[in-house]
C-alpha atoms as a PDB file:
ATOM      1  CA  MET A   1     141.051 119.750 124.091  1.00  0.00           C
ATOM      2  CA  ASN A   2     143.417 121.809 121.973  1.00  0.00           C
ATOM      3  CA  ASN A   3     141.260 121.036 118.943  1.00  0.00           C
ATOM      4  CA  PHE A   4     138.265 122.539 120.667  1.00  0.00           C
ATOM      5  CA  PHE A   5     140.079 125.796 121.409  1.00  0.00           C
ATOM      6  CA  LEU A   6     141.386 125.904 117.873  1.00  0.00           C
ATOM      7  CA  LEU A   7     137.867 125.403 116.510  1.00  0.00           C
ATOM      8  CA  PHE A   8     136.506 128.001 118.890  1.00  0.00           C
ATOM      9  CA  SER A   9     139.102 130.593 117.875  1.00  0.00           C
ATOM     10  CA  MET A  10     138.509 129.933 114.139  1.00  0.00           C
ATOM     11  CA  LEU A  11     134.820 130.432 114.537  1.00  0.00           C
ATOM     12  CA  ALA A  12     135.433 133.657 116.463  1.00  0.00           C
ATOM     13  CA  GLU A  13     137.678 135.056 113.721  1.00  0.00           C
ATOM     14  CA  HIS A  14     135.309 134.003 111.006  1.00  0.00           C
ATOM     15  CA  GLY A  15     132.504 135.777 112.803  1.00  0.00           C
ATOM     16  CA  LYS A  16     134.336 139.114 112.848  1.00  0.00           C
ATOM     17  CA  ASN A  17     134.515 139.286 109.078  1.00  0.00           C
ATOM     18  CA  LYS A  18     130.936 138.292 108.350  1.00  0.00           C
ATOM     19  CA  SER A  19     127.576 138.656 109.949  1.00  0.00           C
ATOM     20  CA  PHE A  20     127.512 135.081 110.989  1.00  0.00           C
ATOM     21  CA  GLY A  21     129.830 134.164 113.818  1.00  0.00           C
ATOM     22  CA  LEU A  22     130.389 133.527 117.376  1.00  0.00           C
ATOM     23  CA  ASN A  23     129.644 136.362 119.681  1.00  0.00           C
ATOM     24  CA  SER A  24     132.202 136.420 122.435  1.00  0.00           C
ATOM     25  CA  ASP A  25     129.915 138.391 124.656  1.00  0.00           C
ATOM     26  CA  PHE A  26     127.952 135.724 126.365  1.00  0.00           C
ATOM     27  CA  LEU A  27     125.192 138.065 127.480  1.00  0.00           C
ATOM     28  CA  GLU A  28     124.392 138.951 123.879  1.00  0.00           C
ATOM     29  CA  ALA A  29     124.820 135.421 122.534  1.00  0.00           C
ATOM     30  CA  ASN A  30     122.155 133.900 120.372  1.00  0.00           C
ATOM     31  CA  VAL A  31     120.795 130.376 119.990  1.00  0.00           C
ATOM     32  CA  ILE A  32     123.349 129.360 117.369  1.00  0.00           C
ATOM     33  CA  ASN A  33     126.195 130.290 119.652  1.00  0.00           C
ATOM     34  CA  ILE A  34     124.657 128.264 122.456  1.00  0.00           C
ATOM     35  CA  THR A  35     124.191 125.310 120.093  1.00  0.00           C
ATOM     36  CA  LEU A  36     127.789 125.523 118.971  1.00  0.00           C
ATOM     37  CA  LEU A  37     128.914 125.714 122.561  1.00  0.00           C
ATOM     38  CA  LEU A  38     126.830 122.705 123.519  1.00  0.00           C
ATOM     39  CA  SER A  39     128.121 120.764 120.484  1.00  0.00           C
ATOM     40  CA  GLY A  40     131.677 121.511 121.512  1.00  0.00           C
ATOM     41  CA  LEU A  41     130.975 120.437 125.071  1.00  0.00           C
ATOM     42  CA  ILE A  42     129.330 117.245 123.865  1.00  0.00           C
ATOM     43  CA  TYR A  43     132.280 116.537 121.585  1.00  0.00           C
ATOM     44  CA  ILE A  44     134.765 117.030 124.443  1.00  0.00           C
ATOM     45  CA  LEU A  45     132.651 115.246 127.027  1.00  0.00           C
ATOM     46  CA  LYS A  46     131.948 112.386 124.599  1.00  0.00           C
ATOM     47  CA  ASN A  47     135.607 111.428 124.571  1.00  0.00           C
ATOM     48  CA  PHE A  48     135.930 111.904 128.312  1.00  0.00           C
ATOM     49  CA  LEU A  49     132.719 110.069 129.188  1.00  0.00           C
ATOM     50  CA  GLY A  50     133.413 107.461 126.490  1.00  0.00           C
ATOM     51  CA  ALA A  51     136.753 106.638 128.106  1.00  0.00           C
ATOM     52  CA  ILE A  52     135.082 106.373 131.513  1.00  0.00           C
ATOM     53  CA  LEU A  53     132.290 104.191 130.101  1.00  0.00           C
ATOM     54  CA  ILE A  54     134.757 101.969 128.240  1.00  0.00           C
ATOM     55  CA  GLY A  55     136.788 101.537 131.425  1.00  0.00           C
ATOM     56  CA  ARG A  56     133.625 100.712 133.341  1.00  0.00           C
ATOM     57  CA  GLN A  57     132.529  98.315 130.595  1.00  0.00           C
ATOM     58  CA  GLU A  58     135.910  96.567 130.750  1.00  0.00           C
ATOM     59  CA  LYS A  59     135.590  96.258 134.532  1.00  0.00           C
ATOM     60  CA  VAL A  60     132.075  94.814 134.195  1.00  0.00           C
ATOM     61  CA  LEU A  61     133.228  92.370 131.499  1.00  0.00           C
ATOM     62  CA  LEU A  62     136.184  91.360 133.666  1.00  0.00           C
ATOM     63  CA  ALA A  63     133.863  90.856 136.646  1.00  0.00           C
ATOM     64  CA  ILE A  64     131.519  88.762 134.472  1.00  0.00           C
ATOM     65  CA  GLN A  65     134.438  86.668 133.218  1.00  0.00           C
ATOM     66  CA  GLU A  66     135.691  86.152 136.770  1.00  0.00           C
ATOM     67  CA  SER A  67     132.184  85.171 137.857  1.00  0.00           C
ATOM     68  CA  GLU A  68     131.883  82.736 134.974  1.00  0.00           C
ATOM     69  CA  GLU A  69     135.277  81.256 135.872  1.00  0.00           C
ATOM     70  CA  ARG A  70     134.235  80.910 139.524  1.00  0.00           C
ATOM     71  CA  LEU A  71     130.964  79.312 138.389  1.00  0.00           C
ATOM     72  CA  LYS A  72     132.899  76.877 136.211  1.00  0.00           C
ATOM     73  CA  GLN A  73     135.224  76.011 139.102  1.00  0.00           C
ATOM     74  CA  ALA A  74     132.254  75.627 141.452  1.00  0.00           C
ATOM     75  CA  ASN A  75     130.561  73.286 138.961  1.00  0.00           C
ATOM     76  CA  GLU A  76     133.766  71.255 138.652  1.00  0.00           C
ATOM     77  CA  ARG A  77     134.029  71.020 142.451  1.00  0.00           C
ATOM     78  CA  LEU A  78     130.354  70.038 142.600  1.00  0.00           C
ATOM     79  CA  GLU A  79     130.893  67.284 140.031  1.00  0.00           C
ATOM     80  CA  GLU A  80     133.953  66.046 141.931  1.00  0.00           C
ATOM     81  CA  SER A  81     132.030  66.112 145.190  1.00  0.00           C
ATOM     82  CA  GLN A  82     129.179  64.180 143.581  1.00  0.00           C
ATOM     83  CA  LYS A  83     131.660  61.587 142.297  1.00  0.00           C
ATOM     84  CA  GLN A  84     133.146  61.289 145.778  1.00  0.00           C
ATOM     85  CA  LEU A  85     129.650  60.996 147.261  1.00  0.00           C
ATOM     86  CA  ASN A  86     128.787  58.212 144.814  1.00  0.00           C
ATOM     87  CA  GLN A  87     132.045  56.416 145.610  1.00  0.00           C
ATOM     88  CA  THR A  88     131.353  56.809 149.320  1.00  0.00           C
ATOM     89  CA  LYS A  89     127.865  55.371 148.839  1.00  0.00           C
ATOM     90  CA  ILE A  90     129.362  52.386 146.999  1.00  0.00           C
ATOM     91  CA  VAL A  91     131.875  51.833 149.802  1.00  0.00           C
ATOM     92  CA  ILE A  92     129.130  52.114 152.436  1.00  0.00           C
ATOM     93  CA  THR A  93     127.008  49.586 150.532  1.00  0.00           C
ATOM     94  CA  LYS A  94     129.939  47.165 150.337  1.00  0.00           C
ATOM     95  CA  ILE A  95     130.647  47.599 154.048  1.00  0.00           C
ATOM     96  CA  GLN A  96     126.985  46.946 154.870  1.00  0.00           C
ATOM     97  CA  GLN A  97     126.957  43.821 152.723  1.00  0.00           C
ATOM     98  CA  GLU A  98     130.185  42.572 154.270  1.00  0.00           C
ATOM     99  CA  SER A  99     128.891  43.279 157.773  1.00  0.00           C
ATOM    100  CA  GLU A 100     125.697  41.337 157.019  1.00  0.00           C
ATOM    101  CA  VAL A 101     127.741  38.400 155.709  1.00  0.00           C
ATOM    102  CA  THR A 102     130.055  38.581 158.718  1.00  0.00           C
ATOM    103  CA  ALA A 103     127.094  38.795 161.101  1.00  0.00           C
ATOM    104  CA  GLN A 104     125.523  35.734 159.456  1.00  0.00           C
ATOM    105  CA  LYS A 105     128.807  33.817 159.724  1.00  0.00           C
ATOM    106  CA  VAL A 106     129.165  34.782 163.394  1.00  0.00           C
ATOM    107  CA  ARG A 107     125.535  33.812 164.029  1.00  0.00           C
ATOM    108  CA  ASP A 108     126.067  30.450 162.325  1.00  0.00           C
ATOM    109  CA  ALA A 109     129.306  29.873 164.229  1.00  0.00           C
ATOM    110  CA  ILE A 110     127.607  30.681 167.539  1.00  0.00           C
ATOM    111  CA  LEU A 111     124.723  28.321 166.721  1.00  0.00           C
ATOM    112  CA  ALA A 112     127.133  25.555 165.709  1.00  0.00           C
ATOM    113  CA  GLN A 113     129.156  26.071 168.878  1.00  0.00           C
ATOM    114  CA  GLY A 114     125.933  26.044 170.894  1.00  0.00           C
ATOM    115  CA  LYS A 115     124.916  22.735 169.296  1.00  0.00           C
ATOM    116  CA  LEU A 116     128.339  21.268 170.080  1.00  0.00           C
ATOM    117  CA  ASP A 117     128.093  22.501 173.662  1.00  0.00           C
ATOM    118  CA  ILE A 118     124.604  20.985 174.003  1.00  0.00           C
ATOM    119  CA  GLU A 119     125.841  17.677 172.595  1.00  0.00           C
ATOM    120  CA  LYS A 120     128.807  17.708 175.006  1.00  0.00           C
ATOM    121  CA  LEU A 121     126.499  18.517 177.910  1.00  0.00           C
ATOM    122  CA  THR A 122     124.119  15.742 176.836  1.00  0.00           C
ATOM    123  CA  VAL A 123     126.952  13.206 176.598  1.00  0.00           C
ATOM    124  CA  SER A 124     128.394  14.425 179.880  1.00  0.00           C
ATOM    125  CA  GLY A 125     124.960  14.198 181.515  1.00  0.00           C
ATOM    126  CA  LYS A 126     124.437  10.672 180.168  1.00  0.00           C
ATOM    127  CA  ASN A 127     127.882   9.650 181.419  1.00  0.00           C
ATOM    128  CA  SER A 128     127.140  11.169 184.821  1.00  0.00           C
ATOM    129  CA  ILE A 129     123.829   9.313 184.981  1.00  0.00           C
ATOM    130  CA  ALA A 130     125.520   6.054 183.915  1.00  0.00           C
ATOM    131  CA  ASN A 131     128.227   6.531 186.564  1.00  0.00           C
ATOM    132  CA  ALA A 132     125.608   7.319 189.181  1.00  0.00           C
ATOM    133  CA  GLU A 133     123.675   4.182 188.182  1.00  0.00           C
ATOM    134  CA  LEU A 134     126.845   2.085 188.470  1.00  0.00           C
ATOM    135  CA  GLN A 135     127.599   3.519 191.893  1.00  0.00           C
ATOM    136  CA  VAL A 136     124.038   2.906 193.030  1.00  0.00           C
ATOM    137  CA  LYS A 137     124.192  -0.663 191.682  1.00  0.00           C
ATOM    138  CA  LYS A 138     127.503  -1.251 193.494  1.00  0.00           C
ATOM    139  CA  GLN A 139     126.081   0.121 196.728  1.00  0.00           C
ATOM    140  CA  ILE A 140     122.973  -2.009 196.362  1.00  0.00           C
ATOM    141  CA  GLN A 141     125.107  -5.095 195.616  1.00  0.00           C
ATOM    142  CA  GLN A 142     127.283  -4.363 198.660  1.00  0.00           C
ATOM    143  CA  GLN A 143     124.247  -3.937 200.857  1.00  0.00           C
ATOM    144  CA  ILE A 144     122.661  -7.107 199.474  1.00  0.00           C
ATOM    145  CA  THR A 145     125.926  -8.975 199.944  1.00  0.00           C
ATOM    146  CA  THR A 146     126.307  -7.614 203.457  1.00  0.00           C
ATOM    147  CA  LEU A 147     122.706  -8.529 204.286  1.00  0.00           C
ATOM    148  CA  ALA A 148     123.101 -11.999 202.756  1.00  0.00           C
ATOM    149  CA  ILE A 149     126.262 -12.640 204.780  1.00  0.00           C
ATOM    150  CA  ARG A 150     124.558 -11.515 207.967  1.00  0.00           C
ATOM    151  CA  ARG A 151     121.568 -13.698 207.237  1.00  0.00           C
ATOM    152  CA  VAL A 152     123.711 -16.712 206.401  1.00  0.00           C
ATOM    153  CA  THR A 153     125.748 -16.060 209.509  1.00  0.00           C
ATOM    154  CA  LEU A 154     122.605 -15.852 211.614  1.00  0.00           C
ATOM    155  CA  ASP A 155     121.165 -18.940 209.982  1.00  0.00           C
ATOM    156  CA  LEU A 156     124.390 -20.829 210.571  1.00  0.00           C
ATOM    157  CA  LYS A 157     124.524 -19.739 214.189  1.00  0.00           C
ATOM    158  CA  ASN A 158     120.975 -20.896 214.662  1.00  0.00           C
ATOM    159  CA  GLN A 159     121.462 -24.228 212.860  1.00  0.00           C
ATOM    160  CA  VAL A 160     124.892 -25.114 214.014  1.00  0.00           C
ATOM    161  CA  ASP A 161     124.998 -26.479 217.507  1.00  0.00           C
ATOM    162  CA  ASN A 162     127.980 -27.761 219.422  1.00  0.00           C
ATOM    163  CA  THR A 163     127.833 -31.325 218.079  1.00  0.00           C
ATOM    164  CA  LEU A 164     127.610 -30.220 214.480  1.00  0.00           C
ATOM    165  CA  GLN A 165     130.431 -27.836 215.108  1.00  0.00           C
ATOM    166  CA  SER A 166     132.574 -30.654 216.588  1.00  0.00           C
ATOM    167  CA  ASN A 167     131.826 -32.913 213.629  1.00  0.00           C
ATOM    168  CA  ILE A 168     132.850 -30.205 211.148  1.00  0.00           C
ATOM    169  CA  ILE A 169     136.064 -29.561 213.026  1.00  0.00           C
ATOM    170  CA  ASP A 170     136.860 -33.275 213.219  1.00  0.00           C
ATOM    171  CA  ASP A 171     136.221 -33.749 209.477  1.00  0.00           C
ATOM    172  CA  ASN A 172     138.508 -30.880 208.642  1.00  0.00           C
ATOM    173  CA  ILE A 173     141.246 -32.233 210.907  1.00  0.00           C
ATOM    174  CA  LEU A 174     140.997 -35.631 209.251  1.00  0.00           C
ATOM    175  CA  LYS A 175     141.232 -34.098 205.829  1.00  0.00           C
ATOM    176  CA  LEU A 176     144.293 -32.183 206.928  1.00  0.00           C
ATOM    177  CA  GLY A 177     145.843 -35.260 208.444  1.00  0.00           C
ATOM    178  CA  ALA A 178     145.386 -37.280 205.257  1.00  0.00           C
ATOM    179  CA  LYS A 179     147.224 -34.633 203.283  1.00  0.00           C
ATOM    180  CA  ILE A 180     150.129 -34.586 205.599  1.00  0.00           C
END
């Protein structure tokens, strides 16, 4: 800024000695004076605006770098998440396979146990039927025996009269007497 004032004052002094110069009366100023004034303003504002633009450019570059860094981190997290997703899918597939194998084993075990239970029930049923047959046979034999004894007893009562009965008793007494 001091340079501008120094330049301005040199031009003003130079103009006093010669016909060409800077007119300090702004109402009487000509086009050259206005051009010089604008050039000075541009020179001063260039540094000022340049500093502002450089600062803004640095901020934009910093923001871009931060965005790129965040993008990089987001991509890394995405890759990690995809790896975890793939690992999870592998684990889920293994669990499904193991559950299918386990289900098949349980199904086979239940079927085998069912077959054993059916065989036990069949054997038990056959044993029950055999026992029932034996009991029925015993009851039939007892009834036949009881009926046979009754019939023999009735036949004997009908055939044996008092004389036959006396002869049997006498024979038995004689047999007893011979043994004594």
